[in-house]
């Protein structure tokens, strides 16, 4: 992707928490992010079907007194646009790199949660000299043992995003969303404010389309990436919960730790998948481990 000459980063409102809204245009794609604090840049990448809002209550507060925190909306999620040619984590990493170059953010610490961890891994594989460290939170690092039938079909159907959005809006309900969130937060309860925040976006056509497109290509990307993990020299902290119901911690976080020689593993007891919401301080502690070693 050729970096567009057009650059447009402009200030929008400030959140009650002190977060400032911004957009930047890269290759005619409008990308949204929020920012707070000063110092070493820390880039936060949300999970699939998430947004920058996932980090606004807890993680940003835990980090912004020491770091310049940038929480992004990945293409098609939150308030960012979705071009037709962005459907793999490698594509996401390329666009994120172009975005950070335009913002003149050099060698950030990249924090990725769940699918965002896949994007972070793709980023460090593609741009090892342009990242100073990684924090991978409940990362999806390895492909599922077998793709569900729908995702096998998805990889062969070019309009899968549109189809998924259509079917998803017909089938999903408040109850189904709440049940999925209950699995993600287990064993902690789902905060009511978070349920209300994600309900509208999860049931939105744009978000569902992006979700299905991203899921359809993820396993293929991870199969290609996993053989290159031993190349990674980026200082890394991997955080996982011992009761994660979404991403198998043993198969992903623990195995990745064995492969990444520069990594450190932190397992949180009685903790599920939504670590940014339930244990935001663990991310601050991971950054402290990284800076102490540098």
Protein backbone atom coordinates (compact mmCIF):
# COMPACT_ATOMS: atom_id res chain seq x y z
CA UNK A 1 0.00 0.00 0.00
CA UNK A 2 1.48 3.33 -1.07
CA UNK A 3 1.41 5.91 1.68
CA UNK A 4 -0.98 8.66 0.70
CA UNK A 5 0.25 12.19 0.37
CA UNK A 6 -2.97 13.37 1.91
CA UNK A 7 -2.58 13.72 5.66
CA UNK A 8 -5.37 14.89 7.84
CA UNK A 9 -5.05 14.65 11.62
CA UNK A 10 -7.42 16.92 13.39
CA UNK A 11 -8.65 17.39 16.90
CA UNK A 12 -12.22 16.49 17.70
CA UNK A 13 -13.71 16.43 21.26
CA UNK A 14 -12.11 15.58 24.57
CA UNK A 15 -13.69 12.77 26.59
CA UNK A 16 -14.63 13.24 30.21
CA UNK A 17 -11.63 11.06 31.07
CA UNK A 18 -9.26 13.51 29.34
CA UNK A 19 -8.87 11.38 26.21
CA UNK A 20 -8.67 13.41 23.02
CA UNK A 21 -10.37 12.14 19.85
CA UNK A 22 -8.41 12.32 16.59
CA UNK A 23 -8.65 11.04 13.04
CA UNK A 24 -5.88 10.55 10.53
CA UNK A 25 -6.34 9.79 6.83
CA UNK A 26 -3.98 7.21 5.34
CA UNK A 27 -4.42 6.25 1.67
CA UNK A 28 -7.86 7.86 1.74
CA UNK A 29 -8.86 5.68 4.71
CA UNK A 30 -10.15 7.58 7.73
CA UNK A 31 -8.75 6.05 10.93
CA UNK A 32 -9.87 7.06 14.40
CA UNK A 33 -7.83 6.96 17.60
CA UNK A 34 -7.84 8.45 21.08
CA UNK A 35 -4.82 9.76 22.90
CA UNK A 36 -3.76 10.78 26.40
CA UNK A 37 -0.53 11.50 28.26
CA UNK A 38 3.07 12.19 27.30
CA UNK A 39 6.28 10.18 27.20
CA UNK A 40 7.16 6.88 25.52
CA UNK A 41 4.42 6.02 23.01
CA UNK A 42 2.24 3.02 23.83
CA UNK A 43 -0.15 1.85 21.10
CA UNK A 44 -3.20 -0.17 22.20
CA UNK A 45 -4.82 -2.62 19.73
CA UNK A 46 -8.24 -3.99 20.64
CA UNK A 47 -9.64 -7.45 19.96
CA UNK A 48 -11.94 -8.37 17.07
CA UNK A 49 -15.35 -6.66 17.30
CA UNK A 50 -13.81 -4.26 19.81
CA UNK A 51 -12.67 -0.65 19.59
CA UNK A 52 -10.50 1.93 21.31
CA UNK A 53 -13.31 2.26 23.86
CA UNK A 54 -12.25 -1.10 25.30
CA UNK A 55 -9.26 0.63 26.88
CA UNK A 56 -10.88 3.87 27.99
CA UNK A 57 -12.05 2.74 31.41
CA UNK A 58 -8.99 1.49 33.24
CA UNK A 59 -6.03 0.89 30.93
CA UNK A 60 -5.60 4.48 29.74
CA UNK A 61 -5.92 5.76 33.30
CA UNK A 62 -3.32 3.23 34.45
CA UNK A 63 -0.82 4.29 31.77
CA UNK A 64 -1.32 7.94 30.83
CA UNK A 65 0.51 9.39 33.82
CA UNK A 66 3.76 7.88 32.48
CA UNK A 67 3.22 7.25 28.77
CA UNK A 68 1.76 8.76 25.62
CA UNK A 69 -1.14 6.36 25.13
CA UNK A 70 -2.71 5.91 21.68
CA UNK A 71 -5.73 3.57 21.50
CA UNK A 72 -6.71 2.88 17.90
CA UNK A 73 -9.89 1.80 16.16
CA UNK A 74 -8.79 -0.84 13.66
CA UNK A 75 -10.31 -0.52 10.15
CA UNK A 76 -14.02 -1.26 10.22
CA UNK A 77 -14.19 -1.13 14.00
CA UNK A 78 -15.25 1.77 16.16
CA UNK A 79 -15.18 4.96 14.10
CA UNK A 80 -12.57 3.89 11.52
CA UNK A 81 -13.40 3.27 7.87
CA UNK A 82 -12.96 -0.15 6.25
CA UNK A 83 -11.42 -0.42 2.77
CA UNK A 84 -12.13 -3.45 0.62
CA UNK A 85 -8.53 -4.69 0.62
CA UNK A 86 -7.97 -4.93 4.39
CA UNK A 87 -8.92 -8.39 5.65
CA UNK A 88 -5.83 -10.00 7.22
CA UNK A 89 -3.78 -9.16 10.30
CA UNK A 90 -0.82 -8.54 7.99
CA UNK A 91 -2.91 -5.89 6.19
CA UNK A 92 -3.87 -4.41 9.55
CA UNK A 93 -0.23 -4.26 10.62
CA UNK A 94 0.79 -2.53 7.37
CA UNK A 95 -1.90 0.12 7.71
CA UNK A 96 -1.07 0.65 11.39
CA UNK A 97 2.60 1.12 10.49
CA UNK A 98 1.69 3.71 7.85
CA UNK A 99 -0.57 5.46 10.36
CA UNK A 100 2.16 5.63 13.01
CA UNK A 101 4.70 6.86 10.47
CA UNK A 102 2.35 9.71 9.52
CA UNK A 103 1.90 10.56 13.18
CA UNK A 104 5.70 10.48 13.60
CA UNK A 105 5.43 7.87 16.34
CA UNK A 106 8.74 6.02 16.38
CA UNK A 107 9.43 2.66 18.02
CA UNK A 108 6.33 2.46 20.21
CA UNK A 109 5.52 -0.23 22.71
CA UNK A 110 2.64 -2.13 21.11
CA UNK A 111 -0.04 -3.68 23.32
CA UNK A 112 -2.42 -6.13 21.65
CA UNK A 113 -5.42 -7.87 23.22
CA UNK A 114 -6.76 -11.15 21.78
CA UNK A 115 -6.99 -10.65 17.98
CA UNK A 116 -5.08 -7.42 18.59
CA UNK A 117 -2.24 -9.64 19.79
CA UNK A 118 -2.27 -11.29 16.36
CA UNK A 119 -1.95 -7.84 14.77
CA UNK A 120 0.93 -6.99 17.14
CA UNK A 121 2.75 -10.19 16.19
CA UNK A 122 2.25 -9.42 12.49
CA UNK A 123 3.59 -5.92 13.14
CA UNK A 124 6.81 -7.05 14.82
CA UNK A 125 7.41 -9.70 12.14
CA UNK A 126 7.06 -7.09 9.39
CA UNK A 127 8.75 -4.14 11.14
CA UNK A 128 11.12 -5.49 13.81
CA UNK A 129 13.19 -2.31 13.92
CA UNK A 130 10.12 -0.08 14.30
CA UNK A 131 8.85 -1.47 17.60
CA UNK A 132 10.56 -1.26 20.97
CA UNK A 133 8.54 -3.86 22.90
CA UNK A 134 5.25 -5.79 22.96
CA UNK A 135 2.67 -6.64 25.58
CA UNK A 136 0.40 -9.45 24.39
CA UNK A 137 -2.77 -9.77 26.45
CA UNK A 138 -4.64 -13.09 26.11
CA UNK A 139 -3.23 -13.27 22.57
CA UNK A 140 -4.55 -15.36 19.70
CA UNK A 141 -1.16 -16.56 18.46
CA UNK A 142 -1.93 -19.95 16.93
CA UNK A 143 -4.67 -21.18 14.59
CA UNK A 144 -7.59 -23.18 15.89
CA UNK A 145 -7.13 -26.92 15.45
CA UNK A 146 -9.98 -26.91 12.96
CA UNK A 147 -11.89 -24.07 11.36
CA UNK A 148 -15.63 -24.02 12.00
CA UNK A 149 -17.54 -24.84 8.80
CA UNK A 150 -18.74 -21.26 8.46
CA UNK A 151 -15.17 -19.96 8.48
CA UNK A 152 -14.03 -22.62 6.01
CA UNK A 153 -16.75 -21.35 3.70
CA UNK A 154 -15.91 -17.76 4.56
CA UNK A 155 -12.43 -17.95 3.10
CA UNK A 156 -13.90 -18.96 -0.26
CA UNK A 157 -16.72 -16.42 -0.43
CA UNK A 158 -15.59 -12.91 -1.41
CA UNK A 159 -18.71 -11.26 -0.01
CA UNK A 160 -18.54 -13.07 3.36
CA UNK A 161 -18.48 -9.80 5.29
CA UNK A 162 -21.73 -8.64 3.76
CA UNK A 163 -23.33 -12.06 4.25
CA UNK A 164 -22.16 -12.26 7.86
CA UNK A 165 -23.44 -8.78 8.60
CA UNK A 166 -26.84 -9.62 7.12
CA UNK A 167 -27.19 -12.92 8.97
CA UNK A 168 -25.67 -11.57 12.17
CA UNK A 169 -28.14 -8.72 12.44
CA UNK A 170 -30.97 -11.18 11.90
CA UNK A 171 -29.80 -13.72 14.48
CA UNK A 172 -28.05 -11.75 17.22
CA UNK A 173 -30.00 -10.49 20.19
CA UNK A 174 -29.26 -8.68 23.43
CA UNK A 175 -29.34 -12.03 25.21
CA UNK A 176 -26.84 -13.62 22.85
CA UNK A 177 -24.47 -10.68 23.17
CA UNK A 178 -24.70 -10.85 26.94
CA UNK A 179 -23.99 -14.61 26.93
CA UNK A 180 -20.91 -14.09 24.76
CA UNK A 181 -19.70 -11.34 27.05
CA UNK A 182 -20.30 -13.57 30.07
CA UNK A 183 -17.86 -16.11 28.57
CA UNK A 184 -15.33 -13.38 27.85
CA UNK A 185 -15.48 -11.92 31.37
CA UNK A 186 -15.79 -15.24 33.25
CA UNK A 187 -15.28 -15.64 36.22
CA UNK A 188 -15.93 -11.91 36.74
CA UNK A 189 -19.37 -10.41 36.00
CA UNK A 190 -19.97 -8.29 32.91
CA UNK A 191 -20.04 -4.59 33.85
CA UNK A 192 -23.37 -3.10 32.83
CA UNK A 193 -21.71 -0.02 31.32
CA UNK A 194 -19.57 -2.26 29.09
CA UNK A 195 -22.57 -4.26 27.92
CA UNK A 196 -24.36 -1.06 26.94
CA UNK A 197 -21.25 0.27 25.20
CA UNK A 198 -20.67 -2.77 23.01
CA UNK A 199 -24.29 -3.67 22.30
CA UNK A 200 -24.81 -0.99 19.69
CA UNK A 201 -21.51 -1.61 17.91
CA UNK A 202 -21.78 -5.41 17.95
CA UNK A 203 -25.18 -5.23 16.31
CA UNK A 204 -24.06 -2.65 13.75
CA UNK A 205 -23.66 -3.70 10.13
CA UNK A 206 -20.18 -2.19 9.69
CA UNK A 207 -18.81 -3.88 12.81
CA UNK A 208 -20.29 -7.27 11.95
CA UNK A 209 -18.93 -7.07 8.41
CA UNK A 210 -15.43 -6.30 9.71
CA UNK A 211 -15.68 -9.04 12.34
CA UNK A 212 -16.55 -11.77 9.84
CA UNK A 213 -13.90 -10.64 7.35
CA UNK A 214 -11.21 -10.58 10.03
CA UNK A 215 -12.19 -13.97 11.46
CA UNK A 216 -12.36 -15.58 8.02
CA UNK A 217 -8.67 -14.95 7.28
CA UNK A 218 -7.18 -15.19 10.78
CA UNK A 219 -6.27 -18.89 10.92
CA UNK A 220 -4.55 -18.78 7.53
CA UNK A 221 -2.50 -15.79 8.67
CA UNK A 222 -1.52 -17.45 11.95
CA UNK A 223 -0.41 -20.61 10.13
CA UNK A 224 2.00 -18.52 8.06
CA UNK A 225 3.16 -16.40 10.98
CA UNK A 226 3.76 -19.14 13.55
CA UNK A 227 6.71 -20.63 11.65
CA UNK A 228 8.44 -17.24 11.94
CA UNK A 229 7.88 -16.66 15.66
CA UNK A 230 11.39 -17.92 16.55
CA UNK A 231 12.75 -14.93 14.58
CA UNK A 232 11.16 -12.43 16.98
CA UNK A 233 13.67 -10.61 19.18
CA UNK A 234 11.29 -7.92 20.45
CA UNK A 235 11.15 -7.74 24.27
CA UNK A 236 7.73 -9.14 25.12
CA UNK A 237 5.50 -9.66 28.13
CA UNK A 238 2.63 -12.11 27.65
CA UNK A 239 -0.32 -11.77 30.03
CA UNK A 240 -2.92 -14.50 30.29
CA UNK A 241 -5.75 -15.56 32.56
CA UNK A 242 -5.97 -19.07 33.97
CA UNK A 243 -9.73 -19.24 33.31
CA UNK A 244 -9.84 -17.81 29.77
CA UNK A 245 -12.91 -19.23 27.99
CA UNK A 246 -12.20 -17.55 24.63
CA UNK A 247 -8.53 -18.19 23.80
CA UNK A 248 -6.87 -21.36 25.09
CA UNK A 249 -4.08 -20.06 27.34
CA UNK A 250 -1.97 -23.23 27.20
CA UNK A 251 -2.14 -23.46 23.41
CA UNK A 252 -1.50 -19.76 22.85
CA UNK A 253 0.15 -17.74 25.63
CA UNK A 254 2.11 -20.59 27.23
CA UNK A 255 3.29 -22.09 23.95
CA UNK A 256 4.22 -18.69 22.54
CA UNK A 257 6.27 -17.97 25.66
CA UNK A 258 8.31 -21.12 25.03
CA UNK A 259 8.98 -20.01 21.45
CA UNK A 260 9.78 -16.33 22.11
CA UNK A 261 13.15 -16.31 23.84
CA UNK A 262 12.82 -12.63 24.78
CA UNK A 263 9.42 -13.08 26.43
CA UNK A 264 8.16 -13.18 29.98
CA UNK A 265 4.86 -14.87 30.92
CA UNK A 266 2.48 -13.50 33.54
CA UNK A 267 -0.52 -15.70 34.38
CA UNK A 268 -3.28 -14.08 36.42
CA UNK A 269 -5.22 -16.39 38.74
CA UNK A 270 -9.02 -16.58 38.69
CA UNK A 271 -9.00 -14.41 35.56
CA UNK A 272 -10.66 -14.73 32.17
CA UNK A 273 -10.22 -13.18 28.75
CA UNK A 274 -11.21 -9.54 29.30
CA UNK A 275 -8.03 -8.59 31.13
CA UNK A 276 -8.03 -4.94 29.93
CA UNK A 277 -11.37 -4.51 31.71
CA UNK A 278 -10.83 -6.66 34.79
CA UNK A 279 -7.10 -6.17 35.45
CA UNK A 280 -5.93 -2.97 33.72
CA UNK A 281 -3.14 -2.59 36.26
CA UNK A 282 -1.52 -5.78 34.90
CA UNK A 283 -0.72 -3.95 31.67
CA UNK A 284 0.95 -1.12 33.58
CA UNK A 285 2.95 -3.71 35.52
CA UNK A 286 3.99 -5.40 32.27
CA UNK A 287 5.26 -2.08 30.91
CA UNK A 288 7.21 -1.58 34.14
CA UNK A 289 8.85 -4.98 33.63
CA UNK A 290 9.85 -3.98 30.11
CA UNK A 291 11.26 -0.59 31.06
CA UNK A 292 13.14 -2.11 34.00
CA UNK A 293 14.91 -4.52 31.64
CA UNK A 294 15.80 -1.90 29.03
